[in-house]
Amino acid sequence: GVVHLSGTVNEFEAKREIMTLVQSIAGVHE
């Protein structure tokens, strides 16, 4: 349940959006 994200995006907002999306998925603990 611990998710390690990596990769590249062009804007800080995209990084925040991905973080928010992943945190909202059931089963993700960290």
PDB file of all heavy atoms in Angstrom:
ATOM      1  N   GLY A   1       0.784  -1.230   0.000  1.00  0.00           N
ATOM      2  CA  GLY A   1       0.000   0.000   0.000  1.00  0.00           C
ATOM      3  C   GLY A   1       0.814   1.278   0.000  1.00  0.00           C
ATOM      4  O   GLY A   1       0.261   2.375   0.013  1.00  0.00           O
ATOM      5  N   VAL A   2       2.145   1.163  -0.030  1.00  0.00           N
ATOM      6  CA  VAL A   2       3.022   2.329  -0.095  1.00  0.00           C
ATOM      7  C   VAL A   2       3.411   2.528  -1.555  1.00  0.00           C
ATOM      8  O   VAL A   2       3.970   1.640  -2.184  1.00  0.00           O
ATOM      9  CB  VAL A   2       4.282   2.160   0.782  1.00  0.00           C
ATOM     10  CG1 VAL A   2       5.196   3.366   0.647  1.00  0.00           C
ATOM     11  CG2 VAL A   2       3.895   1.923   2.232  1.00  0.00           C
ATOM     12  N   VAL A   3       3.094   3.714  -2.082  1.00  0.00           N
ATOM     13  CA  VAL A   3       3.313   4.015  -3.501  1.00  0.00           C
ATOM     14  C   VAL A   3       4.548   4.891  -3.643  1.00  0.00           C
ATOM     15  O   VAL A   3       4.687   5.903  -2.956  1.00  0.00           O
ATOM     16  CB  VAL A   3       2.094   4.756  -4.095  1.00  0.00           C
ATOM     17  CG1 VAL A   3       2.321   5.073  -5.560  1.00  0.00           C
ATOM     18  CG2 VAL A   3       0.828   3.947  -3.897  1.00  0.00           C
ATOM     19  N   HIS A   4       5.448   4.491  -4.551  1.00  0.00           N
ATOM     20  CA  HIS A   4       6.632   5.275  -4.875  1.00  0.00           C
ATOM     21  C   HIS A   4       6.452   5.790  -6.305  1.00  0.00           C
ATOM     22  O   HIS A   4       6.440   5.000  -7.249  1.00  0.00           O
ATOM     23  CB  HIS A   4       7.899   4.422  -4.766  1.00  0.00           C
ATOM     24  CG  HIS A   4       8.122   3.895  -3.383  1.00  0.00           C
ATOM     25  ND1 HIS A   4       8.742   4.631  -2.409  1.00  0.00           N
ATOM     26  CD2 HIS A   4       7.774   2.717  -2.811  1.00  0.00           C
ATOM     27  CE1 HIS A   4       8.780   3.934  -1.293  1.00  0.00           C
ATOM     28  NE2 HIS A   4       8.196   2.762  -1.515  1.00  0.00           N
ATOM     29  N   LEU A   5       6.270   7.100  -6.428  1.00  0.00           N
ATOM     30  CA  LEU A   5       6.067   7.724  -7.734  1.00  0.00           C
ATOM     31  C   LEU A   5       7.382   8.282  -8.257  1.00  0.00           C
ATOM     32  O   LEU A   5       8.180   8.843  -7.497  1.00  0.00           O
ATOM     33  CB  LEU A   5       5.080   8.887  -7.615  1.00  0.00           C
ATOM     34  CG  LEU A   5       3.667   8.548  -7.174  1.00  0.00           C
ATOM     35  CD1 LEU A   5       2.879   9.828  -6.916  1.00  0.00           C
ATOM     36  CD2 LEU A   5       2.982   7.691  -8.224  1.00  0.00           C
ATOM     37  N   SER A   6       7.589   8.151  -9.568  1.00  0.00           N
ATOM     38  CA  SER A   6       8.752   8.759 -10.210  1.00  0.00           C
ATOM     39  C   SER A   6       8.362   9.134 -11.628  1.00  0.00           C
ATOM     40  O   SER A   6       7.348   8.705 -12.152  1.00  0.00           O
ATOM     41  CB  SER A   6       9.949   7.806 -10.201  1.00  0.00           C
ATOM     42  OG  SER A   6       9.650   6.635 -10.925  1.00  0.00           O
ATOM     43  N   GLY A   7       9.199   9.958 -12.230  1.00  0.00           N
ATOM     44  CA  GLY A   7       8.950  10.417 -13.584  1.00  0.00           C
ATOM     45  C   GLY A   7       9.157  11.916 -13.672  1.00  0.00           C
ATOM     46  O   GLY A   7       9.675  12.534 -12.741  1.00  0.00           O
ATOM     47  N   THR A   8       8.739  12.500 -14.787  1.00  0.00           N
ATOM     48  CA  THR A   8       8.889  13.940 -14.974  1.00  0.00           C
ATOM     49  C   THR A   8       7.598  14.553 -15.480  1.00  0.00           C
ATOM     50  O   THR A   8       6.830  13.915 -16.207  1.00  0.00           O
ATOM     51  CB  THR A   8      10.012  14.268 -15.978  1.00  0.00           C
ATOM     52  OG1 THR A   8       9.716  13.628 -17.221  1.00  0.00           O
ATOM     53  CG2 THR A   8      11.365  13.826 -15.476  1.00  0.00           C
ATOM     54  N   VAL A   9       7.365  15.794 -15.073  1.00  0.00           N
ATOM     55  CA  VAL A   9       6.239  16.595 -15.552  1.00  0.00           C
ATOM     56  C   VAL A   9       6.768  17.987 -15.858  1.00  0.00           C
ATOM     57  O   VAL A   9       7.881  18.344 -15.455  1.00  0.00           O
ATOM     58  CB  VAL A   9       5.088  16.666 -14.514  1.00  0.00           C
ATOM     59  CG1 VAL A   9       4.435  15.302 -14.326  1.00  0.00           C
ATOM     60  CG2 VAL A   9       5.569  17.217 -13.187  1.00  0.00           C
ATOM     61  N   ASN A  10       5.965  18.788 -16.543  1.00  0.00           N
ATOM     62  CA  ASN A  10       6.411  20.119 -16.937  1.00  0.00           C
ATOM     63  C   ASN A  10       6.067  21.217 -15.932  1.00  0.00           C
ATOM     64  O   ASN A  10       6.612  22.314 -16.024  1.00  0.00           O
ATOM     65  CB  ASN A  10       5.818  20.501 -18.296  1.00  0.00           C
ATOM     66  CG  ASN A  10       6.396  19.657 -19.406  1.00  0.00           C
ATOM     67  OD1 ASN A  10       7.550  19.262 -19.341  1.00  0.00           O
ATOM     68  ND2 ASN A  10       5.608  19.368 -20.412  1.00  0.00           N
ATOM     69  N   GLU A  11       5.162  20.945 -14.993  1.00  0.00           N
ATOM     70  CA  GLU A  11       4.740  21.986 -14.061  1.00  0.00           C
ATOM     71  C   GLU A  11       4.523  21.422 -12.664  1.00  0.00           C
ATOM     72  O   GLU A  11       4.137  20.268 -12.501  1.00  0.00           O
ATOM     73  CB  GLU A  11       3.442  22.625 -14.551  1.00  0.00           C
ATOM     74  CG  GLU A  11       3.576  23.297 -15.897  1.00  0.00           C
ATOM     75  CD  GLU A  11       2.294  23.970 -16.346  1.00  0.00           C
ATOM     76  OE1 GLU A  11       1.336  24.019 -15.549  1.00  0.00           O
ATOM     77  OE2 GLU A  11       2.261  24.431 -17.481  1.00  0.00           O
ATOM     78  N   PHE A  12       4.729  22.275 -11.658  1.00  0.00           N
ATOM     79  CA  PHE A  12       4.509  21.871 -10.272  1.00  0.00           C
ATOM     80  C   PHE A  12       3.058  21.454 -10.050  1.00  0.00           C
ATOM     81  O   PHE A  12       2.776  20.541  -9.274  1.00  0.00           O
ATOM     82  CB  PHE A  12       4.860  23.010  -9.307  1.00  0.00           C
ATOM     83  CG  PHE A  12       6.331  23.201  -9.142  1.00  0.00           C
ATOM     84  CD1 PHE A  12       6.978  24.269  -9.742  1.00  0.00           C
ATOM     85  CD2 PHE A  12       7.086  22.326  -8.381  1.00  0.00           C
ATOM     86  CE1 PHE A  12       8.336  24.455  -9.598  1.00  0.00           C
ATOM     87  CE2 PHE A  12       8.450  22.498  -8.226  1.00  0.00           C
ATOM     88  CZ  PHE A  12       9.078  23.562  -8.836  1.00  0.00           C
ATOM     89  N   GLU A  13       2.134  22.131 -10.714  1.00  0.00           N
ATOM     90  CA  GLU A  13       0.713  21.815 -10.554  1.00  0.00           C
ATOM     91  C   GLU A  13       0.427  20.369 -10.958  1.00  0.00           C
ATOM     92  O   GLU A  13      -0.350  19.673 -10.309  1.00  0.00           O
ATOM     93  CB  GLU A  13      -0.163  22.775 -11.375  1.00  0.00           C
ATOM     94  CG  GLU A  13      -1.643  22.562 -11.190  1.00  0.00           C
ATOM     95  CD  GLU A  13      -2.117  22.719  -9.745  1.00  0.00           C
ATOM     96  OE1 GLU A  13      -1.530  23.513  -8.992  1.00  0.00           O
ATOM     97  OE2 GLU A  13      -3.096  22.034  -9.380  1.00  0.00           O
ATOM     98  N   ALA A  14       1.065  19.890 -12.008  1.00  0.00           N
ATOM     99  CA  ALA A  14       0.873  18.500 -12.442  1.00  0.00           C
ATOM    100  C   ALA A  14       1.397  17.541 -11.370  1.00  0.00           C
ATOM    101  O   ALA A  14       0.764  16.517 -11.093  1.00  0.00           O
ATOM    102  CB  ALA A  14       1.577  18.254 -13.772  1.00  0.00           C
ATOM    103  N   LYS A  15       2.509  17.871 -10.749  1.00  0.00           N
ATOM    104  CA  LYS A  15       3.060  17.043  -9.672  1.00  0.00           C
ATOM    105  C   LYS A  15       2.071  16.959  -8.512  1.00  0.00           C
ATOM    106  O   LYS A  15       1.811  15.887  -7.979  1.00  0.00           O
ATOM    107  CB  LYS A  15       4.399  17.625  -9.205  1.00  0.00           C
ATOM    108  CG  LYS A  15       5.052  16.830  -8.097  1.00  0.00           C
ATOM    109  CD  LYS A  15       6.416  17.406  -7.732  1.00  0.00           C
ATOM    110  CE  LYS A  15       7.045  16.616  -6.592  1.00  0.00           C
ATOM    111  NZ  LYS A  15       8.418  17.033  -6.328  1.00  0.00           N
ATOM    112  N   ARG A  16       1.487  18.111  -8.145  1.00  0.00           N
ATOM    113  CA  ARG A  16       0.500  18.141  -7.058  1.00  0.00           C
ATOM    114  C   ARG A  16      -0.754  17.368  -7.428  1.00  0.00           C
ATOM    115  O   ARG A  16      -1.322  16.645  -6.601  1.00  0.00           O
ATOM    116  CB  ARG A  16       0.142  19.581  -6.708  1.00  0.00           C
ATOM    117  CG  ARG A  16       1.175  20.266  -5.850  1.00  0.00           C
ATOM    118  CD  ARG A  16       0.654  21.594  -5.308  1.00  0.00           C
ATOM    119  NE  ARG A  16       0.404  22.570  -6.362  1.00  0.00           N
ATOM    120  CZ  ARG A  16       1.292  23.442  -6.813  1.00  0.00           C
ATOM    121  NH1 ARG A  16       2.494  23.472  -6.294  1.00  0.00           N
ATOM    122  NH2 ARG A  16       0.985  24.296  -7.765  1.00  0.00           N
ATOM    123  N   GLU A  17      -1.221  17.513  -8.659  1.00  0.00           N
ATOM    124  CA  GLU A  17      -2.428  16.799  -9.114  1.00  0.00           C
ATOM    125  C   GLU A  17      -2.236  15.287  -9.055  1.00  0.00           C
ATOM    126  O   GLU A  17      -3.136  14.560  -8.631  1.00  0.00           O
ATOM    127  CB  GLU A  17      -2.802  17.215 -10.535  1.00  0.00           C
ATOM    128  CG  GLU A  17      -3.399  18.590 -10.635  1.00  0.00           C
ATOM    129  CD  GLU A  17      -3.692  18.982 -12.074  1.00  0.00           C
ATOM    130  OE1 GLU A  17      -3.708  18.111 -12.971  1.00  0.00           O
ATOM    131  OE2 GLU A  17      -3.901  20.187 -12.313  1.00  0.00           O
ATOM    132  N   ILE A  18      -1.085  14.817  -9.480  1.00  0.00           N
ATOM    133  CA  ILE A  18      -0.802  13.383  -9.447  1.00  0.00           C
ATOM    134  C   ILE A  18      -0.777  12.888  -8.005  1.00  0.00           C
ATOM    135  O   ILE A  18      -1.358  11.852  -7.679  1.00  0.00           O
ATOM    136  CB  ILE A  18       0.512  13.063 -10.182  1.00  0.00           C
ATOM    137  CG1 ILE A  18       0.341  13.322 -11.682  1.00  0.00           C
ATOM    138  CG2 ILE A  18       0.950  11.622  -9.918  1.00  0.00           C
ATOM    139  CD1 ILE A  18       1.625  13.320 -12.476  1.00  0.00           C
ATOM    140  N   MET A  19      -0.138  13.638  -7.132  1.00  0.00           N
ATOM    141  CA  MET A  19      -0.072  13.268  -5.712  1.00  0.00           C
ATOM    142  C   MET A  19      -1.483  13.170  -5.125  1.00  0.00           C
ATOM    143  O   MET A  19      -1.823  12.198  -4.448  1.00  0.00           O
ATOM    144  CB  MET A  19       0.753  14.303  -4.953  1.00  0.00           C
ATOM    145  CG  MET A  19       0.895  14.033  -3.491  1.00  0.00           C
ATOM    146  SD  MET A  19       2.076  12.716  -3.215  1.00  0.00           S
ATOM    147  CE  MET A  19       2.365  12.934  -1.482  1.00  0.00           C
ATOM    148  N   THR A  20      -2.315  14.165  -5.388  1.00  0.00           N
ATOM    149  CA  THR A  20      -3.690  14.185  -4.883  1.00  0.00           C
ATOM    150  C   THR A  20      -4.479  13.011  -5.431  1.00  0.00           C
ATOM    151  O   THR A  20      -5.207  12.338  -4.694  1.00  0.00           O
ATOM    152  CB  THR A  20      -4.381  15.514  -5.252  1.00  0.00           C
ATOM    153  OG1 THR A  20      -3.632  16.582  -4.664  1.00  0.00           O
ATOM    154  CG2 THR A  20      -5.811  15.560  -4.755  1.00  0.00           C
ATOM    155  N   LEU A  21      -4.332  12.744  -6.716  1.00  0.00           N
ATOM    156  CA  LEU A  21      -5.040  11.629  -7.346  1.00  0.00           C
ATOM    157  C   LEU A  21      -4.663  10.303  -6.699  1.00  0.00           C
ATOM    158  O   LEU A  21      -5.520   9.517  -6.316  1.00  0.00           O
ATOM    159  CB  LEU A  21      -4.720  11.580  -8.847  1.00  0.00           C
ATOM    160  CG  LEU A  21      -5.193  10.334  -9.585  1.00  0.00           C
ATOM    161  CD1 LEU A  21      -6.701  10.398  -9.781  1.00  0.00           C
ATOM    162  CD2 LEU A  21      -4.492  10.184 -10.902  1.00  0.00           C
ATOM    163  N   VAL A  22      -3.371  10.062  -6.546  1.00  0.00           N
ATOM    164  CA  VAL A  22      -2.903   8.789  -5.994  1.00  0.00           C
ATOM    165  C   VAL A  22      -3.339   8.636  -4.535  1.00  0.00           C
ATOM    166  O   VAL A  22      -3.774   7.566  -4.121  1.00  0.00           O
ATOM    167  CB  VAL A  22      -1.375   8.647  -6.156  1.00  0.00           C
ATOM    168  CG1 VAL A  22      -0.844   7.429  -5.426  1.00  0.00           C
ATOM    169  CG2 VAL A  22      -1.010   8.577  -7.642  1.00  0.00           C
ATOM    170  N   GLN A  23      -3.258   9.710  -3.754  1.00  0.00           N
ATOM    171  CA  GLN A  23      -3.667   9.647  -2.357  1.00  0.00           C
ATOM    172  C   GLN A  23      -5.153   9.317  -2.208  1.00  0.00           C
ATOM    173  O   GLN A  23      -5.557   8.755  -1.199  1.00  0.00           O
ATOM    174  CB  GLN A  23      -3.374  10.970  -1.646  1.00  0.00           C
ATOM    175  CG  GLN A  23      -1.904  11.197  -1.395  1.00  0.00           C
ATOM    176  CD  GLN A  23      -1.633  12.572  -0.822  1.00  0.00           C
ATOM    177  OE1 GLN A  23      -2.267  13.549  -1.172  1.00  0.00           O
ATOM    178  NE2 GLN A  23      -0.649  12.641   0.070  1.00  0.00           N
ATOM    179  N   SER A  24      -5.956   9.657  -3.213  1.00  0.00           N
ATOM    180  CA  SER A  24      -7.402   9.442  -3.125  1.00  0.00           C
ATOM    181  C   SER A  24      -7.831   8.019  -3.499  1.00  0.00           C
ATOM    182  O   SER A  24      -8.993   7.663  -3.333  1.00  0.00           O
ATOM    183  CB  SER A  24      -8.132  10.441  -4.031  1.00  0.00           C
ATOM    184  OG  SER A  24      -7.939  10.113  -5.395  1.00  0.00           O
ATOM    185  N   ILE A  25      -6.910   7.201  -3.980  1.00  0.00           N
ATOM    186  CA  ILE A  25      -7.243   5.842  -4.416  1.00  0.00           C
ATOM    187  C   ILE A  25      -7.289   4.904  -3.211  1.00  0.00           C
ATOM    188  O   ILE A  25      -6.363   4.864  -2.403  1.00  0.00           O
ATOM    189  CB  ILE A  25      -6.228   5.343  -5.465  1.00  0.00           C
ATOM    190  CG1 ILE A  25      -6.326   6.221  -6.728  1.00  0.00           C
ATOM    191  CG2 ILE A  25      -6.461   3.882  -5.801  1.00  0.00           C
ATOM    192  CD1 ILE A  25      -5.274   5.925  -7.770  1.00  0.00           C
ATOM    193  N   ALA A  26      -8.384   4.177  -3.108  1.00  0.00           N
ATOM    194  CA  ALA A  26      -8.554   3.222  -2.005  1.00  0.00           C
ATOM    195  C   ALA A  26      -7.440   2.185  -2.027  1.00  0.00           C
ATOM    196  O   ALA A  26      -7.092   1.661  -3.085  1.00  0.00           O
ATOM    197  CB  ALA A  26      -9.913   2.536  -2.114  1.00  0.00           C
ATOM    198  N   GLY A  27      -6.865   1.917  -0.872  1.00  0.00           N
ATOM    199  CA  GLY A  27      -5.789   0.941  -0.763  1.00  0.00           C
ATOM    200  C   GLY A  27      -4.419   1.582  -0.653  1.00  0.00           C
ATOM    201  O   GLY A  27      -3.447   0.929  -0.294  1.00  0.00           O
ATOM    202  N   VAL A  28      -4.326   2.882  -0.971  1.00  0.00           N
ATOM    203  CA  VAL A  28      -3.061   3.601  -0.847  1.00  0.00           C
ATOM    204  C   VAL A  28      -2.935   4.087   0.593  1.00  0.00           C
ATOM    205  O   VAL A  28      -3.796   4.791   1.100  1.00  0.00           O
ATOM    206  CB  VAL A  28      -2.992   4.792  -1.825  1.00  0.00           C
ATOM    207  CG1 VAL A  28      -1.770   5.648  -1.558  1.00  0.00           C
ATOM    208  CG2 VAL A  28      -2.994   4.291  -3.267  1.00  0.00           C
ATOM    209  N   HIS A  29      -1.846   3.689   1.256  1.00  0.00           N
ATOM    210  CA  HIS A  29      -1.634   4.067   2.647  1.00  0.00           C
ATOM    211  C   HIS A  29      -0.638   5.218   2.784  1.00  0.00           C
ATOM    212  O   HIS A  29      -0.719   6.001   3.719  1.00  0.00           O
ATOM    213  CB  HIS A  29      -1.128   2.875   3.458  1.00  0.00           C
ATOM    214  CG  HIS A  29      -2.046   1.703   3.398  1.00  0.00           C
ATOM    215  ND1 HIS A  29      -3.312   1.712   3.931  1.00  0.00           N
ATOM    216  CD2 HIS A  29      -1.894   0.486   2.836  1.00  0.00           C
ATOM    217  CE1 HIS A  29      -3.889   0.543   3.716  1.00  0.00           C
ATOM    218  NE2 HIS A  29      -3.047  -0.219   3.046  1.00  0.00           N
ATOM    219  N   GLU A  30       0.294   5.291   1.837  1.00  0.00           N
ATOM    220  CA  GLU A  30       1.345   6.303   1.904  1.00  0.00           C
ATOM    221  C   GLU A  30       1.878   6.527   0.493  1.00  0.00           C
ATOM    222  O   GLU A  30       1.877   5.616  -0.326  1.00  0.00           O
ATOM    223  CB  GLU A  30       2.472   5.797   2.810  1.00  0.00           C
ATOM    224  CG  GLU A  30       3.562   6.786   3.089  1.00  0.00           C
ATOM    225  CD  GLU A  30       4.627   6.213   4.026  1.00  0.00           C
ATOM    226  OE1 GLU A  30       4.302   5.327   4.845  1.00  0.00           O
ATOM    227  OE2 GLU A  30       5.776   6.660   3.921  1.00  0.00           O
TER     228      GLU A  30
END
